[in-house]
Amino acid sequence: MSICFSGGALGADTIWTEVASHYGHDVINYIFDGHKSTCSSLAVLTDDELSVADYYLTKANSIVQRRFPTKSKTTNSLLRRNYYQIKDSDSCYAVASIDNNKISGGTAWAVAMFIQNRSPKPVFVLNQDDSLWYYYDYNISQYILCDDLPLTPSGNWTGIGTRDITNESIDMIIELFERK
């Protein structure tokens, strides 16, 4: 049985949830009290569970180079729930922009934690800037253009990304599951 771990947010999280469910994968969407989601299969994290992620977020900041904790309790909780999206995964699939070898938005935190804590498990990023798939090369700490589509997600995997997903990116996610 395959399980997709996600965050229940609008955009890529919702698309990964819908597509994974359609193709017979179980899905767990991690949220917290006050976080609204239209997705099913919600796991509501307590404040104590969320605080476990602080160590991993502080460590991930060496890659992301942003501020944690922030001044916003909601933003901190969103970043903390990212840890649960990746902690039991064997692969990570993200939809975001890549600029100067950095992932954009909140997705960057989840991907950074995956890279640091799940190495050398595969990381694939659909770059919305050029509509191409990239993989993370642990040997050189760089995102490299994939020669072909990534493998279809299976096992325990993370499906995450931008809230501003394009129709083309949605089609490319579906393509991962439809090809054999």
Foldseek 3Di string as FASTA:
>chain_A
DFEAEEAQAAAQRVLCQVLCVVLPHHYEHEDEPPDDHPGPNYDYDYPVQLVVQQVLLVVLCVVQVDDPPDPDPRVSSSLSSLCVNQVPALEEEEEAAADPQAGDDSVRSSVSSNCVRNPPRWYWYQHPVVRFIWIQDNVVRGTHTDPDQDAQDGHYYYTYYDNPYDPSVSVSNNVNSPDD
